[in-house]
């Protein structure tokens, strides 16, 4: 099974996003650097709007994720409620 990954800038807003990713993807490996965080996961990784909103304490549009995005690897499936990276088999 191939890994997918996402790398985000490290700032106050992304701390909540990272916490949400960790909660919804217990299989993910989070590697925090001084200016960025890279999150690897075997097979797939999903960022759920609802979980991010719970962590941030405010409404969150998944399009906001792109402001903090450095790079990613995997097939992107994006809806209003979830941003999923996977490798289609």
PDB file of N, CA and C in Angstrom:
ATOM      1  N   UNK A   1       0.851  -1.180   0.000  1.00  0.00           N
ATOM      2  CA  UNK A   1       0.000   0.000   0.000  1.00  0.00           C
ATOM      3  C   UNK A   1       0.899   1.247   0.000  1.00  0.00           C
ATOM      4  N   UNK A   2       0.638   2.169  -0.899  1.00  0.00           N
ATOM      5  CA  UNK A   2       1.421   3.398  -1.014  1.00  0.00           C
ATOM      6  C   UNK A   2       0.942   4.451  -0.024  1.00  0.00           C
ATOM      7  N   UNK A   3       1.870   5.295   0.387  1.00  0.00           N
ATOM      8  CA  UNK A   3       1.532   6.392   1.282  1.00  0.00           C
ATOM      9  C   UNK A   3       1.052   7.604   0.503  1.00  0.00           C
ATOM     10  N   UNK A   4       0.146   8.346   1.109  1.00  0.00           N
ATOM     11  CA  UNK A   4      -0.224   9.678   0.655  1.00  0.00           C
ATOM     12  C   UNK A   4       0.361  10.637   1.684  1.00  0.00           C
ATOM     13  N   UNK A   5       0.514  11.904   1.306  1.00  0.00           N
ATOM     14  CA  UNK A   5       0.954  12.871   2.306  1.00  0.00           C
ATOM     15  C   UNK A   5       0.446  14.260   1.975  1.00  0.00           C
ATOM     16  N   UNK A   6       0.429  15.080   3.012  1.00  0.00           N
ATOM     17  CA  UNK A   6       0.115  16.497   2.869  1.00  0.00           C
ATOM     18  C   UNK A   6       1.105  17.254   3.746  1.00  0.00           C
ATOM     19  N   UNK A   7       1.596  18.378   3.256  1.00  0.00           N
ATOM     20  CA  UNK A   7       2.484  19.239   4.024  1.00  0.00           C
ATOM     21  C   UNK A   7       1.822  20.611   4.138  1.00  0.00           C
ATOM     22  N   UNK A   8       1.759  21.110   5.358  1.00  0.00           N
ATOM     23  CA  UNK A   8       1.118  22.394   5.648  1.00  0.00           C
ATOM     24  C   UNK A   8       2.098  23.318   6.342  1.00  0.00           C
ATOM     25  N   UNK A   9       1.922  24.622   6.148  1.00  0.00           N
ATOM     26  CA  UNK A   9       2.687  25.606   6.905  1.00  0.00           C
ATOM     27  C   UNK A   9       2.335  25.442   8.377  1.00  0.00           C
ATOM     28  N   UNK A  10       3.288  25.675   9.254  1.00  0.00           N
ATOM     29  CA  UNK A  10       3.026  25.597  10.686  1.00  0.00           C
ATOM     30  C   UNK A  10       2.666  26.992  11.183  1.00  0.00           C
ATOM     31  N   UNK A  11       1.423  27.159  11.621  1.00  0.00           N
ATOM     32  CA  UNK A  11       0.974  28.421  12.207  1.00  0.00           C
ATOM     33  C   UNK A  11      -0.198  28.132  13.143  1.00  0.00           C
ATOM     34  N   UNK A  12      -0.761  29.155  13.743  1.00  0.00           N
ATOM     35  CA  UNK A  12      -1.843  28.952  14.711  1.00  0.00           C
ATOM     36  C   UNK A  12      -3.060  28.277  14.092  1.00  0.00           C
ATOM     37  N   UNK A  13      -3.451  28.658  12.899  1.00  0.00           N
ATOM     38  CA  UNK A  13      -4.619  28.055  12.253  1.00  0.00           C
ATOM     39  C   UNK A  13      -4.393  26.582  11.944  1.00  0.00           C
ATOM     40  N   UNK A  14      -3.197  26.230  11.490  1.00  0.00           N
ATOM     41  CA  UNK A  14      -2.971  24.839  11.107  1.00  0.00           C
ATOM     42  C   UNK A  14      -2.875  23.916  12.312  1.00  0.00           C
ATOM     43  N   UNK A  15      -2.622  24.434  13.488  1.00  0.00           N
ATOM     44  CA  UNK A  15      -2.589  23.569  14.677  1.00  0.00           C
ATOM     45  C   UNK A  15      -3.926  22.854  14.863  1.00  0.00           C
ATOM     46  N   UNK A  16      -5.017  23.559  14.643  1.00  0.00           N
ATOM     47  CA  UNK A  16      -6.348  22.945  14.755  1.00  0.00           C
ATOM     48  C   UNK A  16      -6.587  21.946  13.626  1.00  0.00           C
ATOM     49  N   UNK A  17      -6.122  22.276  12.431  1.00  0.00           N
ATOM     50  CA  UNK A  17      -6.271  21.361  11.296  1.00  0.00           C
ATOM     51  C   UNK A  17      -5.490  20.082  11.556  1.00  0.00           C
ATOM     52  N   UNK A  18      -4.274  20.207  12.060  1.00  0.00           N
ATOM     53  CA  UNK A  18      -3.432  19.050  12.365  1.00  0.00           C
ATOM     54  C   UNK A  18      -4.082  18.182  13.447  1.00  0.00           C
ATOM     55  N   UNK A  19      -4.627  18.818  14.475  1.00  0.00           N
ATOM     56  CA  UNK A  19      -5.311  18.067  15.541  1.00  0.00           C
ATOM     57  C   UNK A  19      -6.507  17.304  14.979  1.00  0.00           C
ATOM     58  N   UNK A  20      -7.244  17.919  14.069  1.00  0.00           N
ATOM     59  CA  UNK A  20      -8.397  17.254  13.446  1.00  0.00           C
ATOM     60  C   UNK A  20      -7.945  16.076  12.581  1.00  0.00           C
ATOM     61  N   UNK A  21      -6.877  16.259  11.817  1.00  0.00           N
ATOM     62  CA  UNK A  21      -6.354  15.179  10.984  1.00  0.00           C
ATOM     63  C   UNK A  21      -5.930  14.004  11.870  1.00  0.00           C
ATOM     64  N   UNK A  22      -5.234  14.302  12.958  1.00  0.00           N
ATOM     65  CA  UNK A  22      -4.770  13.243  13.865  1.00  0.00           C
ATOM     66  C   UNK A  22      -5.949  12.483  14.466  1.00  0.00           C
ATOM     67  N   UNK A  23      -7.000  13.192  14.829  1.00  0.00           N
ATOM     68  CA  UNK A  23      -8.172  12.540  15.417  1.00  0.00           C
ATOM     69  C   UNK A  23      -8.886  11.632  14.413  1.00  0.00           C
ATOM     70  N   UNK A  24      -9.053  12.101  13.185  1.00  0.00           N
ATOM     71  CA  UNK A  24      -9.796  11.351  12.176  1.00  0.00           C
ATOM     72  C   UNK A  24      -8.963  10.296  11.446  1.00  0.00           C
ATOM     73  N   UNK A  25      -7.635  10.369  11.589  1.00  0.00           N
ATOM     74  CA  UNK A  25      -6.732   9.449  10.884  1.00  0.00           C
ATOM     75  C   UNK A  25      -5.688   8.904  11.855  1.00  0.00           C
ATOM     76  N   UNK A  26      -6.081   8.015  12.767  1.00  0.00           N
ATOM     77  CA  UNK A  26      -5.124   7.531  13.775  1.00  0.00           C
ATOM     78  C   UNK A  26      -3.925   6.792  13.177  1.00  0.00           C
ATOM     79  N   UNK A  27      -4.030   6.363  11.933  1.00  0.00           N
ATOM     80  CA  UNK A  27      -2.938   5.678  11.244  1.00  0.00           C
ATOM     81  C   UNK A  27      -1.910   6.647  10.668  1.00  0.00           C
ATOM     82  N   UNK A  28      -2.194   7.944  10.700  1.00  0.00           N
ATOM     83  CA  UNK A  28      -1.309   8.950  10.107  1.00  0.00           C
ATOM     84  C   UNK A  28      -0.068   9.168  10.972  1.00  0.00           C
ATOM     85  N   UNK A  29       1.028   9.482  10.305  1.00  0.00           N
ATOM     86  CA  UNK A  29       2.289   9.803  10.979  1.00  0.00           C
ATOM     87  C   UNK A  29       2.531  11.288  10.793  1.00  0.00           C
ATOM     88  N   UNK A  30       2.590  12.013  11.910  1.00  0.00           N
ATOM     89  CA  UNK A  30       2.731  13.466  11.870  1.00  0.00           C
ATOM     90  C   UNK A  30       4.171  13.833  12.197  1.00  0.00           C
ATOM     91  N   UNK A  31       4.802  14.558  11.282  1.00  0.00           N
ATOM     92  CA  UNK A  31       6.194  14.971  11.434  1.00  0.00           C
ATOM     93  C   UNK A  31       6.232  16.495  11.455  1.00  0.00           C
ATOM     94  N   UNK A  32       6.352  17.060  12.662  1.00  0.00           N
ATOM     95  CA  UNK A  32       6.370  18.519  12.808  1.00  0.00           C
ATOM     96  C   UNK A  32       7.782  19.047  12.661  1.00  0.00           C
ATOM     97  N   UNK A  33       7.929  20.062  11.830  1.00  0.00           N
ATOM     98  CA  UNK A  33       9.175  20.779  11.609  1.00  0.00           C
ATOM     99  C   UNK A  33       8.986  22.202  12.141  1.00  0.00           C
ATOM    100  N   UNK A  34      10.035  23.021  12.218  1.00  0.00           N
ATOM    101  CA  UNK A  34       9.844  24.396  12.706  1.00  0.00           C
ATOM    102  C   UNK A  34       8.869  25.229  11.882  1.00  0.00           C
ATOM    103  N   UNK A  35       8.839  25.069  10.564  1.00  0.00           N
ATOM    104  CA  UNK A  35       7.987  25.924   9.728  1.00  0.00           C
ATOM    105  C   UNK A  35       6.895  25.170   8.992  1.00  0.00           C
ATOM    106  N   UNK A  36       6.861  23.845   9.134  1.00  0.00           N
ATOM    107  CA  UNK A  36       5.858  23.058   8.414  1.00  0.00           C
ATOM    108  C   UNK A  36       5.576  21.766   9.157  1.00  0.00           C
ATOM    109  N   UNK A  37       4.516  21.117   8.755  1.00  0.00           N
ATOM    110  CA  UNK A  37       4.206  19.780   9.256  1.00  0.00           C
ATOM    111  C   UNK A  37       3.885  18.909   8.050  1.00  0.00           C
ATOM    112  N   UNK A  38       4.455  17.710   8.026  1.00  0.00           N
ATOM    113  CA  UNK A  38       4.180  16.743   6.953  1.00  0.00           C
ATOM    114  C   UNK A  38       3.448  15.575   7.587  1.00  0.00           C
ATOM    115  N   UNK A  39       2.332  15.211   6.977  1.00  0.00           N
ATOM    116  CA  UNK A  39       1.517  14.127   7.503  1.00  0.00           C
ATOM    117  C   UNK A  39       1.445  13.036   6.443  1.00  0.00           C
ATOM    118  N   UNK A  40       1.980  11.867   6.781  1.00  0.00           N
ATOM    119  CA  UNK A  40       1.969  10.704   5.894  1.00  0.00           C
ATOM    120  C   UNK A  40       0.920   9.717   6.386  1.00  0.00           C
ATOM    121  N   UNK A  41       0.300   9.009   5.460  1.00  0.00           N
ATOM    122  CA  UNK A  41      -0.660   7.976   5.830  1.00  0.00           C
ATOM    123  C   UNK A  41      -0.664   6.879   4.777  1.00  0.00           C
ATOM    124  N   UNK A  42      -0.696   5.634   5.214  1.00  0.00           N
ATOM    125  CA  UNK A  42      -0.798   4.546   4.244  1.00  0.00           C
ATOM    126  C   UNK A  42      -2.199   4.490   3.645  1.00  0.00           C
ATOM    127  N   UNK A  43      -2.273   4.483   2.318  1.00  0.00           N
ATOM    128  CA  UNK A  43      -3.559   4.318   1.635  1.00  0.00           C
ATOM    129  C   UNK A  43      -4.361   5.573   1.425  1.00  0.00           C
ATOM    130  N   UNK A  44      -4.808   6.205   2.510  1.00  0.00           N
ATOM    131  CA  UNK A  44      -5.646   7.403   2.360  1.00  0.00           C
ATOM    132  C   UNK A  44      -5.580   8.273   3.612  1.00  0.00           C
ATOM    133  N   UNK A  45      -6.006   9.507   3.444  1.00  0.00           N
ATOM    134  CA  UNK A  45      -6.035  10.497   4.519  1.00  0.00           C
ATOM    135  C   UNK A  45      -7.232  11.402   4.258  1.00  0.00           C
ATOM    136  N   UNK A  46      -8.058  11.627   5.278  1.00  0.00           N
ATOM    137  CA  UNK A  46      -9.242  12.463   5.100  1.00  0.00           C
ATOM    138  C   UNK A  46      -9.247  13.590   6.126  1.00  0.00           C
ATOM    139  N   UNK A  47      -9.492  14.799   5.633  1.00  0.00           N
ATOM    140  CA  UNK A  47      -9.660  15.976   6.487  1.00  0.00           C
ATOM    141  C   UNK A  47     -11.142  16.304   6.473  1.00  0.00           C
ATOM    142  N   UNK A  48     -11.785  16.201   7.638  1.00  0.00           N
ATOM    143  CA  UNK A  48     -13.226  16.421   7.734  1.00  0.00           C
ATOM    144  C   UNK A  48     -13.518  17.832   8.240  1.00  0.00           C
ATOM    145  N   UNK A  49     -14.349  18.539   7.497  1.00  0.00           N
ATOM    146  CA  UNK A  49     -14.722  19.910   7.865  1.00  0.00           C
ATOM    147  C   UNK A  49     -15.264  19.975   9.284  1.00  0.00           C
ATOM    148  N   UNK A  50     -16.151  19.076   9.641  1.00  0.00           N
ATOM    149  CA  UNK A  50     -16.785  19.098  10.957  1.00  0.00           C
ATOM    150  C   UNK A  50     -15.763  18.984  12.084  1.00  0.00           C
ATOM    151  N   UNK A  51     -14.785  18.100  11.942  1.00  0.00           N
ATOM    152  CA  UNK A  51     -13.768  17.936  12.976  1.00  0.00           C
ATOM    153  C   UNK A  51     -12.892  19.177  13.084  1.00  0.00           C
ATOM    154  N   UNK A  52     -12.528  19.767  11.945  1.00  0.00           N
ATOM    155  CA  UNK A  52     -11.728  20.998  11.964  1.00  0.00           C
ATOM    156  C   UNK A  52     -12.516  22.105  12.666  1.00  0.00           C
ATOM    157  N   UNK A  53     -13.807  22.223  12.357  1.00  0.00           N
ATOM    158  CA  UNK A  53     -14.639  23.246  13.002  1.00  0.00           C
ATOM    159  C   UNK A  53     -14.696  23.049  14.512  1.00  0.00           C
ATOM    160  N   UNK A  54     -14.793  21.806  14.964  1.00  0.00           N
ATOM    161  CA  UNK A  54     -14.802  21.526  16.406  1.00  0.00           C
ATOM    162  C   UNK A  54     -13.498  21.968  17.054  1.00  0.00           C
ATOM    163  N   UNK A  55     -12.392  21.714  16.395  1.00  0.00           N
ATOM    164  CA  UNK A  55     -11.069  22.075  16.939  1.00  0.00           C
ATOM    165  C   UNK A  55     -10.844  23.587  16.900  1.00  0.00           C
ATOM    166  N   UNK A  56     -11.316  24.258  15.836  1.00  0.00           N
ATOM    167  CA  UNK A  56     -11.121  25.706  15.694  1.00  0.00           C
ATOM    168  C   UNK A  56     -12.124  26.516  16.495  1.00  0.00           C
ATOM    169  N   UNK A  57     -13.300  25.949  16.718  1.00  0.00           N
ATOM    170  CA  UNK A  57     -14.348  26.685  17.409  1.00  0.00           C
ATOM    171  C   UNK A  57     -15.034  27.715  16.527  1.00  0.00           C
ATOM    172  N   UNK A  58     -14.989  27.468  15.205  1.00  0.00           N
ATOM    173  CA  UNK A  58     -15.637  28.370  14.247  1.00  0.00           C
ATOM    174  C   UNK A  58     -15.932  27.605  12.969  1.00  0.00           C
ATOM    175  N   UNK A  59     -16.727  28.220  12.095  1.00  0.00           N
ATOM    176  CA  UNK A  59     -16.991  27.617  10.791  1.00  0.00           C
ATOM    177  C   UNK A  59     -15.694  27.561   9.992  1.00  0.00           C
ATOM    178  N   UNK A  60     -15.555  26.525   9.175  1.00  0.00           N
ATOM    179  CA  UNK A  60     -14.350  26.336   8.373  1.00  0.00           C
ATOM    180  C   UNK A  60     -14.751  25.856   6.990  1.00  0.00           C
ATOM    181  N   UNK A  61     -14.324  26.575   5.983  1.00  0.00           N
ATOM    182  CA  UNK A  61     -14.518  26.182   4.591  1.00  0.00           C
ATOM    183  C   UNK A  61     -13.254  25.430   4.175  1.00  0.00           C
ATOM    184  N   UNK A  62     -13.392  24.213   3.692  1.00  0.00           N
ATOM    185  CA  UNK A  62     -12.215  23.425   3.322  1.00  0.00           C
ATOM    186  C   UNK A  62     -11.335  24.113   2.283  1.00  0.00           C
ATOM    187  N   UNK A  63     -11.861  25.080   1.547  1.00  0.00           N
ATOM    188  CA  UNK A  63     -11.035  25.846   0.604  1.00  0.00           C
ATOM    189  C   UNK A  63      -9.939  26.628   1.344  1.00  0.00           C
ATOM    190  N   UNK A  64     -10.176  26.949   2.622  1.00  0.00           N
ATOM    191  CA  UNK A  64      -9.164  27.641   3.435  1.00  0.00           C
ATOM    192  C   UNK A  64      -7.899  26.804   3.577  1.00  0.00           C
ATOM    193  N   UNK A  65      -8.024  25.509   3.446  1.00  0.00           N
ATOM    194  CA  UNK A  65      -6.880  24.608   3.553  1.00  0.00           C
ATOM    195  C   UNK A  65      -5.798  24.978   2.544  1.00  0.00           C
ATOM    196  N   UNK A  66      -6.205  25.433   1.371  1.00  0.00           N
ATOM    197  CA  UNK A  66      -5.256  25.744   0.300  1.00  0.00           C
ATOM    198  C   UNK A  66      -4.328  26.909   0.656  1.00  0.00           C
ATOM    199  N   UNK A  67      -4.748  27.773   1.549  1.00  0.00           N
ATOM    200  CA  UNK A  67      -3.914  28.895   1.978  1.00  0.00           C
ATOM    201  C   UNK A  67      -2.687  28.385   2.731  1.00  0.00           C
ATOM    202  N   UNK A  68      -2.838  27.287   3.442  1.00  0.00           N
ATOM    203  CA  UNK A  68      -1.782  26.740   4.298  1.00  0.00           C
ATOM    204  C   UNK A  68      -1.017  25.593   3.647  1.00  0.00           C
ATOM    205  N   UNK A  69      -1.463  25.153   2.473  1.00  0.00           N
ATOM    206  CA  UNK A  69      -0.907  23.986   1.799  1.00  0.00           C
ATOM    207  C   UNK A  69       0.455  24.291   1.171  1.00  0.00           C
ATOM    208  N   UNK A  70       1.414  23.408   1.423  1.00  0.00           N
ATOM    209  CA  UNK A  70       2.721  23.497   0.772  1.00  0.00           C
ATOM    210  C   UNK A  70       2.761  22.525  -0.405  1.00  0.00           C
ATOM    211  N   UNK A  71       2.451  21.268  -0.133  1.00  0.00           N
ATOM    212  CA  UNK A  71       2.437  20.245  -1.182  1.00  0.00           C
ATOM    213  C   UNK A  71       1.627  19.048  -0.701  1.00  0.00           C
ATOM    214  N   UNK A  72       1.313  18.171  -1.641  1.00  0.00           N
ATOM    215  CA  UNK A  72       0.602  16.940  -1.289  1.00  0.00           C
ATOM    216  C   UNK A  72       0.928  15.871  -2.306  1.00  0.00           C
ATOM    217  N   UNK A  73       0.605  14.637  -1.946  1.00  0.00           N
ATOM    218  CA  UNK A  73       0.805  13.513  -2.845  1.00  0.00           C
ATOM    219  C   UNK A  73      -0.387  12.575  -2.707  1.00  0.00           C
ATOM    220  N   UNK A  74      -1.022  12.290  -3.826  1.00  0.00           N
ATOM    221  CA  UNK A  74      -2.184  11.416  -3.837  1.00  0.00           C
ATOM    222  C   UNK A  74      -3.275  12.007  -4.704  1.00  0.00           C
ATOM    223  N   UNK A  75      -4.254  11.200  -5.003  1.00  0.00           N
ATOM    224  CA  UNK A  75      -5.426  11.632  -5.761  1.00  0.00           C
ATOM    225  C   UNK A  75      -6.317  12.438  -4.823  1.00  0.00           C
ATOM    226  N   UNK A  76      -6.738  13.623  -5.230  1.00  0.00           N
ATOM    227  CA  UNK A  76      -7.560  14.499  -4.401  1.00  0.00           C
ATOM    228  C   UNK A  76      -9.032  14.310  -4.726  1.00  0.00           C
ATOM    229  N   UNK A  77      -9.828  14.088  -3.687  1.00  0.00           N
ATOM    230  CA  UNK A  77     -11.284  14.057  -3.799  1.00  0.00           C
ATOM    231  C   UNK A  77     -11.791  15.080  -2.791  1.00  0.00           C
ATOM    232  N   UNK A  78     -12.354  16.172  -3.291  1.00  0.00           N
ATOM    233  CA  UNK A  78     -12.728  17.293  -2.435  1.00  0.00           C
ATOM    234  C   UNK A  78     -14.216  17.592  -2.554  1.00  0.00           C
ATOM    235  N   UNK A  79     -14.888  17.629  -1.398  1.00  0.00           N
ATOM    236  CA  UNK A  79     -16.287  18.035  -1.323  1.00  0.00           C
ATOM    237  C   UNK A  79     -16.385  19.169  -0.307  1.00  0.00           C
ATOM    238  N   UNK A  80     -17.593  19.646  -0.045  1.00  0.00           N
ATOM    239  CA  UNK A  80     -17.770  20.682   0.975  1.00  0.00           C
ATOM    240  C   UNK A  80     -17.489  20.153   2.373  1.00  0.00           C
ATOM    241  N   UNK A  81     -17.578  18.825   2.561  1.00  0.00           N
ATOM    242  CA  UNK A  81     -17.449  18.239   3.889  1.00  0.00           C
ATOM    243  C   UNK A  81     -16.150  17.494   4.144  1.00  0.00           C
ATOM    244  N   UNK A  82     -15.413  17.144   3.099  1.00  0.00           N
ATOM    245  CA  UNK A  82     -14.191  16.364   3.298  1.00  0.00           C
ATOM    246  C   UNK A  82     -13.196  16.596   2.168  1.00  0.00           C
ATOM    247  N   UNK A  83     -11.922  16.516   2.535  1.00  0.00           N
ATOM    248  CA  UNK A  83     -10.798  16.593   1.605  1.00  0.00           C
ATOM    249  C   UNK A  83     -10.048  15.281   1.786  1.00  0.00           C
ATOM    250  N   UNK A  84     -10.059  14.429   0.760  1.00  0.00           N
ATOM    251  CA  UNK A  84      -9.451  13.100   0.889  1.00  0.00           C
ATOM    252  C   UNK A  84      -8.319  12.922  -0.123  1.00  0.00           C
ATOM    253  N   UNK A  85      -7.221  12.392   0.368  1.00  0.00           N
ATOM    254  CA  UNK A  85      -6.095  11.985  -0.477  1.00  0.00           C
ATOM    255  C   UNK A  85      -6.069  10.466  -0.484  1.00  0.00           C
ATOM    256  N   UNK A  86      -5.903   9.871  -1.652  1.00  0.00           N
ATOM    257  CA  UNK A  86      -5.813   8.419  -1.751  1.00  0.00           C
ATOM    258  C   UNK A  86      -5.102   8.051  -3.037  1.00  0.00           C
ATOM    259  N   UNK A  87      -4.796   6.804  -3.165  1.00  0.00           N
ATOM    260  CA  UNK A  87      -4.267   6.268  -4.418  1.00  0.00           C
ATOM    261  C   UNK A  87      -5.304   5.313  -4.962  1.00  0.00           C
ATOM    262  N   UNK A  88      -5.862   5.630  -6.112  1.00  0.00           N
ATOM    263  CA  UNK A  88      -6.857   4.762  -6.748  1.00  0.00           C
ATOM    264  C   UNK A  88      -6.178   3.487  -7.203  1.00  0.00           C
ATOM    265  N   UNK A  89      -6.822   2.372  -6.962  1.00  0.00           N
ATOM    266  CA  UNK A  89      -6.227   1.069  -7.349  1.00  0.00           C
ATOM    267  C   UNK A  89      -6.921   0.529  -8.554  1.00  0.00           C
TER     268      UNK A  89
END
